[in-house]
Amino acid sequence: MSRRRIPSRSLSLLVAAAAAVCALPAFAAAPAASAAPIPLPHHDDLLLAGSPALGGARGDHLTITVTGSGSPRTDGTFQLYCHPHGGNHFAAGPACDRLDRMTRWGRDTFAPVPRGARCTMMYGGPARAHVSGTWAGRPVNADFRRTNGCEIERWGRFEPMLPKTVS
């Protein structure tokens, strides 16, 4: 009886295939690492981790600079802290509450009006605002103005963080 010799490349592929088949039950028994999404910290957990009482910086802090609002009380640079609310903002509590209601996971709360949006050509006055800082663990760098209907509506969504204007 003659013995046939298996080429070494075929032998190594055969051994690799056998090893893979033997390893399958072990993989099937182990939980899949990507079977579920990684749990992300809740918004309040992010804030507690940055709490001054725990030795960190506050979680949500915005610097708001307003010009041309028509009122000396609301023009200027204001610090807004949330959770707990504070700073020298003219309406810290209501502003923080409004921002909390607007915040949605995976969406930029401070996103600008999309390019190509169809907006009414109305002028809402010379008011401008710049907002920078951190909100919900994300950096913020947003500009607001009242140059058309879309921008006026966007400004309105952010009241009372941004002041009502006198136009």
Protein backbone atom coordinates (compact mmCIF):
# COMPACT_ATOMS: atom_id res chain seq x y z
CA MET A 1 0.00 0.00 0.00
CA SER A 2 1.46 3.37 -0.98
CA ARG A 3 1.18 6.48 1.08
CA ARG A 4 0.53 9.82 -0.56
CA ARG A 5 2.32 12.78 0.80
CA ILE A 6 0.29 15.96 1.52
CA PRO A 7 2.07 19.14 0.42
CA SER A 8 3.16 21.25 3.40
CA ARG A 9 1.00 24.24 2.41
CA SER A 10 -2.11 22.07 2.27
CA LEU A 11 -1.19 20.49 5.58
CA SER A 12 -0.80 23.84 7.29
CA LEU A 13 -4.18 25.01 5.90
CA LEU A 14 -5.80 21.80 7.11
CA VAL A 15 -4.32 22.25 10.61
CA ALA A 16 -5.44 25.89 10.73
CA ALA A 17 -8.98 24.94 9.67
CA ALA A 18 -9.16 22.21 12.31
CA ALA A 19 -7.97 24.62 15.00
CA ALA A 20 -10.57 27.18 13.96
CA VAL A 21 -13.37 24.60 14.08
CA CYS A 22 -12.25 23.47 17.54
CA ALA A 23 -12.19 27.08 18.79
CA LEU A 24 -15.74 27.89 17.64
CA PRO A 25 -17.51 26.38 20.69
CA ALA A 26 -15.32 28.50 22.98
CA PHE A 27 -16.25 31.68 21.12
CA ALA A 28 -19.94 30.76 21.04
CA ALA A 29 -19.97 30.25 24.82
CA ALA A 30 -18.27 33.58 25.57
CA PRO A 31 -20.43 36.71 25.46
CA ALA A 32 -19.78 38.90 22.46
CA ALA A 33 -17.89 42.04 23.36
CA SER A 34 -19.88 44.15 20.91
CA ALA A 35 -23.27 42.52 21.48
CA ALA A 36 -24.53 45.61 23.32
CA PRO A 37 -23.50 49.22 23.21
CA ILE A 38 -21.13 50.44 25.85
CA PRO A 39 -23.18 52.23 28.49
CA LEU A 40 -22.36 55.91 28.42
CA PRO A 41 -22.53 58.03 31.55
CA HIS A 42 -25.79 59.82 32.17
CA HIS A 43 -25.75 63.62 31.86
CA ASP A 44 -26.04 63.96 35.67
CA ASP A 45 -23.12 61.53 36.17
CA LEU A 46 -20.93 63.76 34.00
CA LEU A 47 -21.92 66.73 36.11
CA LEU A 48 -21.25 64.99 39.43
CA ALA A 49 -17.81 63.93 38.22
CA GLY A 50 -17.03 67.57 37.56
CA SER A 51 -18.67 68.89 40.72
CA PRO A 52 -16.63 71.38 42.75
CA ALA A 53 -17.61 69.44 45.90
CA LEU A 54 -15.77 66.42 44.47
CA GLY A 55 -12.67 68.46 43.71
CA GLY A 56 -13.31 69.02 39.99
CA ALA A 57 -14.52 71.87 37.84
CA ARG A 58 -18.21 72.46 37.27
CA GLY A 59 -19.68 70.39 34.44
CA ASP A 60 -21.75 72.92 32.51
CA HIS A 61 -20.27 76.39 32.18
CA LEU A 62 -21.03 78.86 29.43
CA THR A 63 -19.66 82.33 28.78
CA ILE A 64 -22.26 84.42 26.96
CA THR A 65 -21.38 87.75 25.35
CA VAL A 66 -24.34 89.82 24.13
CA THR A 67 -24.24 93.09 22.17
CA GLY A 68 -26.97 95.22 20.65
CA SER A 69 -29.86 93.71 22.63
CA GLY A 70 -31.33 97.15 23.36
CA SER A 71 -30.90 96.89 27.13
CA PRO A 72 -27.84 97.75 29.23
CA ARG A 73 -28.95 95.05 31.69
CA THR A 74 -28.59 92.26 29.11
CA ASP A 75 -25.63 93.56 27.07
CA GLY A 76 -22.27 92.36 28.32
CA THR A 77 -20.43 89.17 29.19
CA PHE A 78 -22.10 86.72 31.56
CA GLN A 79 -21.04 83.47 33.19
CA LEU A 80 -23.70 80.76 33.36
CA TYR A 81 -23.15 77.69 35.53
CA CYS A 82 -25.68 74.86 35.66
CA HIS A 83 -26.06 71.92 38.06
CA PRO A 84 -26.21 73.81 40.38
CA HIS A 85 -27.08 77.01 38.56
CA GLY A 86 -25.18 80.18 39.28
CA GLY A 87 -22.88 82.80 37.85
CA ASN A 88 -23.73 86.39 37.01
CA HIS A 89 -26.22 85.54 34.24
CA PHE A 90 -29.43 87.61 34.47
CA ALA A 91 -31.68 84.48 34.45
CA ALA A 92 -29.46 81.55 35.50
CA GLY A 93 -32.18 79.18 36.76
CA PRO A 94 -34.58 79.51 33.82
CA ALA A 95 -31.67 79.47 31.32
CA CYS A 96 -30.29 76.19 32.73
CA ASP A 97 -33.76 74.64 32.78
CA ARG A 98 -34.37 75.61 29.14
CA LEU A 99 -31.01 74.22 28.01
CA ASP A 100 -31.72 70.96 29.87
CA ARG A 101 -35.04 70.58 28.01
CA MET A 102 -33.32 71.26 24.64
CA THR A 103 -30.46 68.78 25.13
CA ARG A 104 -30.78 65.47 23.23
CA TRP A 105 -28.21 62.69 23.10
CA GLY A 106 -26.25 62.71 19.84
CA ARG A 107 -27.48 66.16 18.74
CA ASP A 108 -25.62 69.44 18.90
CA THR A 109 -27.81 71.67 21.04
CA PHE A 110 -26.03 74.78 19.73
CA ALA A 111 -25.96 73.82 16.03
CA PRO A 112 -26.22 76.73 13.60
CA VAL A 113 -28.98 77.17 11.05
CA PRO A 114 -28.24 74.63 8.28
CA ARG A 115 -26.72 75.92 5.04
CA GLY A 116 -29.30 76.30 2.32
CA ALA A 117 -32.20 76.72 4.76
CA ARG A 118 -35.07 78.74 3.34
CA CYS A 119 -35.54 81.67 5.66
CA THR A 120 -37.79 84.70 5.56
CA MET A 121 -35.89 87.85 4.73
CA MET A 122 -36.79 89.83 7.83
CA TYR A 123 -34.42 91.71 10.06
CA GLY A 124 -34.69 91.21 13.82
CA GLY A 125 -32.31 93.92 14.92
CA PRO A 126 -28.61 94.34 15.61
CA ALA A 127 -28.41 91.92 18.57
CA ARG A 128 -25.53 89.47 18.48
CA ALA A 129 -24.32 86.86 20.93
CA HIS A 130 -21.37 84.54 21.25
CA VAL A 131 -21.57 81.47 23.51
CA SER A 132 -18.53 79.41 24.48
CA GLY A 133 -17.74 76.85 27.16
CA THR A 134 -18.91 73.33 27.90
CA TRP A 135 -22.42 71.88 27.83
CA ALA A 136 -23.24 68.19 28.49
CA GLY A 137 -19.54 67.32 28.31
CA ARG A 138 -19.11 68.86 24.84
CA PRO A 139 -17.34 72.07 23.86
CA VAL A 140 -19.53 74.97 22.74
CA ASN A 141 -18.53 77.76 20.36
CA ALA A 142 -21.68 79.27 18.85
CA ASP A 143 -22.66 82.62 17.34
CA PHE A 144 -26.18 84.03 17.30
CA ARG A 145 -27.64 86.96 15.37
CA ARG A 146 -31.08 88.11 14.25
CA THR A 147 -30.47 88.70 10.53
CA ASN A 148 -33.29 86.57 9.06
CA GLY A 149 -36.32 84.53 10.09
CA CYS A 150 -34.34 81.35 10.79
CA GLU A 151 -31.81 83.18 12.96
CA ILE A 152 -34.60 85.01 14.82
CA GLU A 153 -36.32 81.68 15.52
CA ARG A 154 -33.04 80.11 16.68
CA TRP A 155 -32.40 83.05 19.03
CA GLY A 156 -35.93 82.63 20.42
CA ARG A 157 -35.33 78.94 21.20
CA PHE A 158 -32.42 79.97 23.42
CA GLU A 159 -34.35 82.54 25.45
CA PRO A 160 -33.83 83.07 28.43
CA MET A 161 -30.15 82.11 28.00
CA LEU A 162 -30.17 84.86 25.36
CA PRO A 163 -32.17 87.98 26.24
CA LYS A 164 -35.42 89.08 24.67
CA THR A 165 -34.46 91.92 22.41
CA VAL A 166 -35.89 95.36 21.82
CA SER A 167 -36.05 95.88 18.07
